[in-house]
Protein backbone atom coordinates (compact mmCIF):
# COMPACT_ATOMS: atom_id res chain seq x y z
CA MET A 1 0.63 -31.59 -84.14
CA ARG A 2 -0.86 -28.43 -85.91
CA LYS A 3 -4.54 -28.30 -86.30
CA LYS A 4 -6.66 -26.72 -88.80
CA PHE A 5 -8.34 -24.57 -86.22
CA ILE A 6 -5.15 -22.97 -84.83
CA TYR A 7 -3.75 -21.61 -88.08
CA PRO A 8 -6.74 -20.93 -90.17
CA ALA A 9 -4.90 -18.45 -92.46
CA ILE A 10 -2.39 -20.92 -93.55
CA ILE A 11 -5.37 -23.06 -95.06
CA ALA A 12 -6.11 -20.15 -97.15
CA LEU A 13 -2.60 -19.90 -98.57
CA ILE A 14 -2.71 -23.57 -99.16
CA ALA A 15 -6.16 -23.43 -101.05
CA VAL A 16 -4.71 -20.28 -103.27
CA ALA A 17 -1.69 -22.59 -104.20
CA ALA A 18 -3.59 -25.69 -105.11
CA PHE A 19 -7.02 -24.33 -106.39
CA GLN A 20 -8.59 -27.31 -105.18
CA ALA A 21 -12.53 -27.02 -106.49
CA CYS A 22 -15.42 -27.28 -104.04
CA LYS A 23 -18.08 -28.84 -105.88
CA LYS A 24 -21.63 -28.86 -104.14
CA SER A 25 -24.36 -31.43 -104.72
CA GLY A 26 -26.81 -29.38 -107.04
CA SER A 27 -24.76 -26.37 -107.52
CA SER A 28 -22.89 -26.54 -110.64
CA PRO A 29 -22.51 -23.48 -112.35
CA THR A 30 -24.19 -22.28 -115.37
CA ASN A 31 -23.85 -19.67 -117.82
CA ASN A 32 -25.81 -16.81 -117.72
CA SER A 33 -26.18 -13.80 -120.24
CA THR A 34 -27.98 -11.18 -118.20
CA GLY A 35 -26.50 -8.37 -119.82
CA PHE A 36 -25.47 -7.02 -116.33
CA ASP A 37 -22.57 -4.12 -116.14
CA ARG A 38 -19.91 -6.30 -114.59
CA VAL A 39 -17.46 -3.61 -115.45
CA GLY A 40 -19.70 -1.24 -113.66
CA MET A 41 -19.76 -3.13 -110.80
CA LEU A 42 -15.94 -3.94 -110.53
CA LYS A 43 -15.52 -0.25 -110.88
CA ASN A 44 -17.70 0.69 -108.13
CA LEU A 45 -16.29 -1.63 -105.77
CA SER A 46 -12.79 -0.85 -106.49
CA THR A 47 -13.31 3.01 -106.21
CA ASN A 48 -15.67 3.27 -103.60
CA ILE A 49 -15.24 0.64 -101.47
CA ILE A 50 -11.64 -1.35 -102.12
CA VAL A 51 -9.27 1.57 -102.74
CA PRO A 52 -10.80 3.95 -99.79
CA GLY A 53 -10.87 1.10 -97.46
CA TYR A 54 -7.20 0.42 -98.26
CA ILE A 55 -6.46 4.11 -97.68
CA THR A 56 -8.22 4.15 -94.41
CA PHE A 57 -6.33 0.78 -93.01
CA GLN A 58 -3.07 2.22 -94.39
CA ALA A 59 -3.38 5.23 -92.36
CA SER A 60 -4.66 3.48 -89.38
CA VAL A 61 -1.37 1.11 -89.30
CA THR A 62 0.76 4.14 -89.98
CA THR A 63 -0.76 5.62 -86.70
CA LEU A 64 -0.04 2.47 -84.83
CA ASP A 65 3.35 2.30 -85.91
CA SER A 66 4.15 5.77 -84.83
CA SER A 67 2.45 4.97 -81.62
CA ILE A 68 4.71 2.06 -81.02
CA THR A 69 7.77 4.02 -82.00
CA ALA A 70 6.68 7.00 -79.39
CA PHE A 71 5.70 4.20 -76.86
CA ASN A 72 9.30 2.37 -76.90
CA THR A 73 11.40 5.60 -76.78
CA SER A 74 9.94 6.33 -73.39
CA PRO A 75 7.17 3.97 -72.18
CA ASP A 76 4.39 5.34 -69.76
CA LEU A 77 0.88 4.70 -68.95
CA THR A 78 -0.38 7.40 -71.17
CA LYS A 79 1.39 6.25 -74.23
CA LEU A 80 0.28 2.75 -73.45
CA GLY A 81 -2.97 3.52 -73.36
CA ASN A 82 -2.58 5.73 -76.64
CA LEU A 83 -1.11 2.80 -78.48
CA GLN A 84 -3.57 0.16 -77.24
CA ALA A 85 -6.34 2.77 -78.79
CA ALA A 86 -4.29 2.94 -81.95
CA PHE A 87 -4.03 -0.70 -82.13
CA LYS A 88 -8.08 -1.33 -81.67
CA ILE A 89 -8.90 1.41 -84.39
CA ALA A 90 -6.34 -0.43 -86.85
CA TYR A 91 -7.68 -3.82 -86.23
CA GLU A 92 -11.28 -2.32 -86.83
CA LYS A 93 -10.35 -1.13 -89.99
CA TRP A 94 -8.67 -4.29 -91.22
CA GLN A 95 -12.29 -5.82 -91.34
CA ALA A 96 -12.94 -3.53 -94.18
CA VAL A 97 -10.28 -5.01 -96.42
CA SER A 98 -9.83 -8.50 -95.32
CA THR A 99 -12.06 -9.93 -98.17
CA PHE A 100 -9.75 -8.63 -100.94
CA ASP A 101 -6.97 -11.13 -100.68
CA PHE A 102 -6.17 -11.44 -104.20
CA GLY A 103 -4.05 -9.53 -106.72
CA PRO A 104 -1.70 -7.07 -104.61
CA ALA A 105 -2.97 -8.62 -101.39
CA ALA A 106 -2.13 -12.07 -102.51
CA ASN A 107 1.06 -11.10 -103.71
CA GLU A 108 1.94 -9.62 -100.06
CA ASN A 109 0.47 -12.68 -98.39
CA LEU A 110 -1.42 -9.92 -96.62
CA ARG A 111 -4.42 -11.53 -94.83
CA ILE A 112 -2.20 -14.48 -93.06
CA SER A 113 0.43 -11.92 -92.42
CA VAL A 114 -1.88 -9.86 -90.56
CA ASN A 115 -4.55 -11.92 -88.92
CA THR A 116 -3.42 -15.40 -88.24
CA PHE A 117 -4.99 -16.20 -85.13
CA PRO A 118 -5.13 -17.23 -82.30
CA ALA A 119 -1.26 -16.06 -81.52
CA ASP A 120 1.22 -18.56 -80.84
CA VAL A 121 2.18 -17.04 -77.10
CA THR A 122 4.73 -19.85 -76.74
CA GLN A 123 6.67 -18.86 -79.99
CA ILE A 124 6.36 -15.16 -79.29
CA ASN A 125 7.83 -15.51 -75.93
CA ALA A 126 10.55 -17.59 -77.14
CA ASN A 127 11.16 -14.93 -80.03
CA VAL A 128 11.40 -12.22 -77.44
CA SER A 129 13.56 -14.33 -74.98
CA SER A 130 16.10 -14.85 -77.87
CA GLY A 131 15.99 -11.88 -79.63
CA SER A 132 16.67 -13.87 -82.77
CA TYR A 133 13.61 -14.72 -85.22
CA ASN A 134 12.96 -14.86 -88.76
CA LEU A 135 9.26 -13.33 -89.26
CA ALA A 136 9.31 -14.07 -92.82
CA SER A 137 9.06 -17.76 -92.44
CA LEU A 138 5.58 -19.57 -92.88
CA SER A 139 6.14 -20.94 -89.34
CA ALA A 140 6.22 -17.50 -87.80
CA LEU A 141 2.71 -16.35 -89.01
CA PRO A 142 1.21 -17.24 -85.67
CA ALA A 143 3.60 -15.03 -84.03
CA GLN A 144 3.34 -11.78 -85.80
CA GLY A 145 0.27 -9.67 -87.25
CA PHE A 146 -2.56 -7.87 -84.96
CA PRO A 147 -3.05 -11.20 -82.80
CA ALA A 148 0.89 -10.82 -81.71
CA ILE A 149 0.27 -7.24 -81.22
CA ASP A 150 -2.84 -8.11 -79.12
CA TYR A 151 -0.90 -10.30 -76.97
CA LEU A 152 2.19 -7.99 -76.47
CA LEU A 153 -0.24 -5.06 -75.60
CA PHE A 154 -3.21 -6.53 -73.32
CA GLY A 155 -1.95 -10.08 -72.54
CA THR A 156 1.39 -9.54 -70.96
CA GLY A 157 0.11 -8.45 -67.70
CA ALA A 158 -2.77 -8.45 -65.19
CA ASP A 159 -3.41 -4.65 -65.92
CA ASN A 160 -1.74 -1.97 -67.87
CA ASN A 161 0.59 -1.34 -64.60
CA ALA A 162 1.85 -4.84 -65.13
CA ILE A 163 1.91 -4.63 -68.75
CA LEU A 164 4.32 -1.24 -68.60
CA VAL A 165 6.76 -3.34 -66.59
CA GLN A 166 7.32 -5.78 -69.20
CA TYR A 167 8.36 -2.77 -71.35
CA THR A 168 10.26 -1.02 -68.64
CA THR A 169 12.07 -2.76 -65.87
CA ASP A 170 11.83 -6.14 -67.18
CA GLY A 171 15.05 -7.93 -68.19
CA GLN A 172 13.42 -8.63 -71.82
CA ALA A 173 11.96 -5.06 -72.03
CA ALA A 174 14.30 -4.33 -74.97
CA ASN A 175 13.43 -7.38 -76.66
CA ARG A 176 9.80 -7.04 -76.43
CA LYS A 177 10.08 -3.32 -77.54
CA ALA A 178 12.03 -4.39 -80.70
CA TYR A 179 9.74 -7.28 -81.48
CA LEU A 180 6.77 -4.90 -81.15
CA ALA A 181 8.22 -2.63 -83.58
CA ALA A 182 9.33 -5.42 -86.07
CA VAL A 183 5.82 -7.02 -86.05
CA SER A 184 4.44 -3.49 -86.68
CA ALA A 185 6.85 -2.90 -89.52
CA ILE A 186 5.79 -5.95 -91.64
CA ILE A 187 1.99 -4.72 -91.53
CA LYS A 188 2.88 -1.16 -92.34
CA THR A 189 5.24 -2.34 -95.38
CA LYS A 190 2.88 -4.77 -96.88
CA THR A 191 0.03 -2.65 -96.46
CA THR A 192 1.77 0.14 -98.09
CA ASN A 193 2.55 -1.98 -100.99
CA VAL A 194 -0.77 -3.48 -101.71
CA LEU A 195 -2.69 0.37 -101.52
CA SER A 196 0.35 1.62 -103.65
CA ALA A 197 -0.66 -1.07 -106.45
CA TRP A 198 -4.30 -0.34 -105.97
CA LYS A 199 -3.81 3.18 -106.41
CA THR A 200 -1.33 3.07 -109.21
CA THR A 201 -1.46 0.03 -112.02
CA TYR A 202 -3.91 -2.66 -110.49
CA PRO A 203 -7.48 -1.21 -110.91
CA ALA A 204 -6.85 -1.27 -114.86
CA THR A 205 -6.08 -5.07 -114.43
CA PHE A 206 -9.06 -5.57 -112.18
CA LEU A 207 -11.53 -3.79 -114.65
CA THR A 208 -10.16 -5.61 -117.83
CA ALA A 209 -10.68 -9.13 -116.17
CA SER A 210 -14.45 -8.67 -116.09
CA GLY A 211 -15.68 -12.08 -117.00
CA THR A 212 -16.88 -15.03 -114.72
CA ASP A 213 -13.94 -17.66 -115.01
CA VAL A 214 -11.73 -18.67 -112.39
CA GLY A 215 -9.20 -16.00 -113.05
CA SER A 216 -11.24 -13.28 -113.39
CA SER A 217 -11.99 -10.50 -111.16
CA VAL A 218 -15.46 -11.24 -110.51
CA GLY A 219 -14.51 -14.86 -110.09
CA GLN A 220 -11.63 -14.05 -107.57
CA LEU A 221 -13.81 -11.68 -105.46
CA THR A 222 -16.81 -14.18 -105.31
CA ASN A 223 -14.11 -16.90 -104.09
CA GLU A 224 -12.42 -14.44 -101.74
CA LEU A 225 -15.67 -13.09 -100.35
CA ASN A 226 -16.77 -16.58 -99.47
CA GLN A 227 -13.68 -17.71 -97.94
CA ASP A 228 -13.43 -14.58 -95.78
CA PHE A 229 -17.01 -15.09 -94.72
CA GLU A 230 -15.87 -18.74 -93.65
CA VAL A 231 -13.23 -17.06 -91.52
CA LEU A 232 -15.91 -15.23 -89.95
CA LYS A 233 -18.08 -18.13 -89.58
CA ASN A 234 -15.78 -20.90 -88.61
CA TYR A 235 -12.71 -19.33 -86.86
CA GLU A 236 -14.23 -16.14 -85.18
CA ILE A 237 -17.54 -18.00 -84.14
CA GLY A 238 -17.49 -21.67 -84.79
CA ILE A 239 -14.27 -23.18 -83.60
CA PRO A 240 -14.26 -21.06 -80.26
CA ALA A 241 -17.98 -21.90 -79.65
CA GLY A 242 -17.37 -25.71 -80.29
CA THR A 243 -19.90 -26.18 -83.36
CA GLU A 244 -16.52 -26.51 -85.62
CA SER A 245 -14.64 -28.42 -83.33
CA MET A 246 -16.42 -31.37 -82.48
CA GLY A 247 -18.49 -30.17 -79.57
CA THR A 248 -15.09 -28.81 -77.51
CA THR A 249 -15.24 -25.06 -76.73
CA PHE A 250 -12.37 -23.15 -77.03
CA PRO A 251 -12.77 -19.51 -75.99
CA THR A 252 -9.54 -18.37 -76.00
CA LYS A 253 -9.21 -18.96 -79.82
CA VAL A 254 -11.34 -16.02 -80.49
CA GLN A 255 -10.25 -13.03 -82.65
CA ALA A 256 -8.46 -10.16 -80.28
CA TYR A 257 -8.96 -12.58 -77.15
CA TYR A 258 -6.66 -10.12 -75.24
CA SER A 259 -8.10 -6.92 -76.08
CA LYS A 260 -11.56 -8.52 -75.66
CA ILE A 261 -13.12 -6.60 -78.55
CA SER A 262 -13.70 -10.20 -80.63
CA LEU A 263 -17.39 -9.43 -80.91
CA GLN A 264 -16.92 -5.66 -82.16
CA LEU A 265 -14.59 -6.95 -84.97
CA ALA A 266 -17.15 -9.89 -86.05
CA LEU A 267 -19.74 -7.30 -86.31
CA LEU A 268 -17.36 -4.98 -88.71
CA HIS A 269 -16.57 -7.94 -90.48
CA LEU A 270 -20.14 -9.07 -91.42
CA GLN A 271 -21.00 -5.36 -92.01
CA ALA A 272 -17.83 -5.05 -94.62
CA ILE A 273 -18.97 -8.33 -96.29
CA GLN A 274 -22.48 -7.42 -96.71
CA ASN A 275 -21.18 -4.05 -98.15
CA ILE A 276 -19.12 -5.60 -100.68
CA TYR A 277 -22.42 -7.86 -101.53
CA LEU A 278 -24.72 -4.57 -102.02
CA GLY A 279 -21.86 -2.22 -103.46
CA GLN A 280 -22.70 0.07 -100.66
CA SER A 281 -20.42 2.62 -99.57
CA SER A 282 -19.92 6.09 -98.20
CA ALA A 283 -20.56 7.56 -101.75
CA GLY A 284 -24.00 5.80 -101.91
CA ASN A 285 -25.37 2.47 -103.02
CA GLY A 286 -23.68 1.31 -106.52
CA LEU A 287 -23.74 -1.54 -108.50
CA GLY A 288 -22.94 -4.89 -106.55
CA PHE A 289 -23.66 -8.61 -106.29
CA ASP A 290 -27.36 -7.93 -105.38
CA ASP A 291 -28.14 -6.08 -108.52
CA TYR A 292 -26.17 -9.11 -110.35
CA LEU A 293 -28.63 -11.31 -108.96
CA VAL A 294 -31.70 -9.48 -109.94
CA SER A 295 -30.47 -9.02 -113.22
CA ALA A 296 -29.97 -12.78 -113.42
CA LYS A 297 -33.33 -13.21 -111.99
CA ALA A 298 -31.97 -15.49 -109.49
CA THR A 299 -34.58 -17.46 -107.42
CA TYR A 300 -34.31 -19.30 -104.07
CA ASN A 301 -37.19 -21.57 -102.98
CA GLY A 302 -39.60 -19.69 -105.31
CA GLY A 303 -38.73 -16.14 -104.09
CA SER A 304 -35.88 -13.89 -104.90
CA LEU A 305 -32.36 -15.12 -104.20
CA ASN A 306 -31.19 -11.49 -103.68
CA ASP A 307 -33.89 -11.01 -101.05
CA ALA A 308 -32.96 -14.34 -99.21
CA ILE A 309 -29.49 -13.33 -99.03
CA THR A 310 -30.18 -9.44 -97.84
CA ASN A 311 -32.64 -10.86 -95.25
CA GLN A 312 -29.93 -13.32 -94.01
CA PHE A 313 -27.59 -10.67 -93.38
CA ALA A 314 -30.05 -8.96 -91.21
CA THR A 315 -30.71 -12.02 -89.33
CA ALA A 316 -27.01 -12.83 -88.79
CA THR A 317 -26.17 -9.42 -87.70
CA ALA A 318 -29.13 -9.39 -85.02
CA LYS A 319 -27.93 -12.86 -83.60
CA LEU A 320 -24.33 -11.31 -83.25
CA GLN A 321 -25.70 -8.09 -81.78
CA ALA A 322 -27.47 -10.05 -78.97
CA LEU A 323 -24.29 -10.83 -77.65
CA SER A 324 -21.73 -8.93 -76.09
CA ASP A 325 -17.90 -8.81 -75.40
CA PRO A 326 -15.92 -10.23 -74.27
CA LEU A 327 -16.82 -13.00 -76.73
CA ALA A 328 -14.96 -15.29 -74.77
CA ASN A 329 -16.86 -15.10 -71.76
CA GLN A 330 -20.27 -15.39 -73.68
CA ILE A 331 -18.86 -18.91 -75.02
CA THR A 332 -18.73 -19.86 -71.40
CA THR A 333 -22.11 -18.10 -70.19
CA ASN A 334 -24.16 -17.72 -73.38
CA LEU A 335 -23.26 -20.69 -75.60
CA THR A 336 -26.91 -21.07 -76.74
CA GLY A 337 -26.66 -17.34 -78.07
CA VAL A 338 -23.29 -17.83 -79.72
CA THR A 339 -24.41 -21.03 -81.54
CA ALA A 340 -27.44 -19.33 -82.73
CA ALA A 341 -25.35 -16.53 -84.49
CA TYR A 342 -23.31 -19.35 -85.62
CA ALA A 343 -26.28 -21.09 -87.21
CA ALA A 344 -27.32 -17.67 -89.05
CA LEU A 345 -23.82 -17.44 -90.45
CA GLN A 346 -24.18 -21.08 -91.61
CA LEU A 347 -27.20 -20.45 -93.61
CA GLN A 348 -25.92 -17.50 -95.40
CA THR A 349 -22.98 -19.34 -96.16
CA VAL A 350 -24.93 -21.85 -98.04
CA LEU A 351 -26.70 -18.87 -99.92
CA LEU A 352 -23.56 -17.05 -100.63
CA LYS A 353 -21.15 -20.35 -101.60
CA THR A 354 -23.63 -22.34 -103.41
CA ASP A 355 -26.66 -20.59 -104.77
CA MET A 356 -25.10 -17.35 -105.76
CA PRO A 357 -22.38 -18.52 -107.68
CA SER A 358 -24.48 -21.16 -109.30
CA ALA A 359 -26.98 -18.54 -110.32
CA LEU A 360 -24.10 -16.29 -112.03
CA GLY A 361 -21.81 -19.24 -113.14
CA ILE A 362 -19.10 -18.67 -111.31
CA LEU A 363 -17.06 -21.70 -110.10
CA ILE A 364 -15.81 -22.01 -106.11
CA THR A 365 -12.33 -22.88 -106.51
CA TYR A 366 -10.92 -22.64 -102.80
CA GLY A 367 -10.92 -26.11 -100.79
CA ASP A 368 -12.40 -26.59 -97.40
CA THR A 369 -13.17 -29.33 -95.33
CA ASP A 370 -15.99 -27.83 -93.26
CA GLY A 371 -18.91 -29.85 -94.86
CA ASP A 372 -21.01 -26.68 -95.87
């Protein structure tokens, strides 16, 4: 039987299709006429964060795909090392665009295609062995994307010498190279399609839908920001650490288990979400949700809600920075530290998912069962 924590991204797909409302006690949305420039916020986010993020990510997956082609043509240790490095960079760049799973990304099912983890190693090996598979099927999601490449490049041998054998003299070497290329091609194609839409027609749609209703850009962005934050809290930290899995730890279920960059990715993911909240990019500090809350005079425990959220980002970051990679090892040797990081993320979830939407009159429509 498939468990929720095995395929978190499938839950997201179901939630998008069902639009199941998530109602929290005491957090019913109210309308706020603050005069805030929502179009200005959307323009800042799209121009300075979303489009540049996709440009950088698309370039990284193109490099990854080219590195796979070079490696498959004549595998050796140097090319394997280069490929592993290109993979890590692409996985890192993914963190900056993971939140934007609406519009073009939703049309491509980008998030679940790119990052359904943990990888189903049994299915991957069966696909490689048979040489016959349909990666377009829903059931194939845990056997593709970055988690699959993570396993194929780092988990098929004890070291790079052993991994290289899998692509040279092993009896399934040809099939394994073909599978690696097929998985990479899906990531590249979907990312290219999403970027193309954001560089042409979609920005106008994004800026026009500037209300706060469920179908508005602000509504979609708020929902996806929260849903993506819960991927970070629940699936990258909580379930592996046992806090979201009834006390049973699952260290092997961390993101990027085989390449051992799980904590690094989690920190980048948290920073990316914070940047969206603040409207912060290399172009400067533009309009973000922080400004929206200040304009709405939103309060929390007698103080500023924006201050509470900003401070909690800092607290959660510090708790994660107190850990080290491999995160799977930390779960085994420093579980107290990992659960402290989870607790900081949990408090931020309440602020972002209950208090912020209530203050801005935005309805949270995606479903969850984690009891936050």
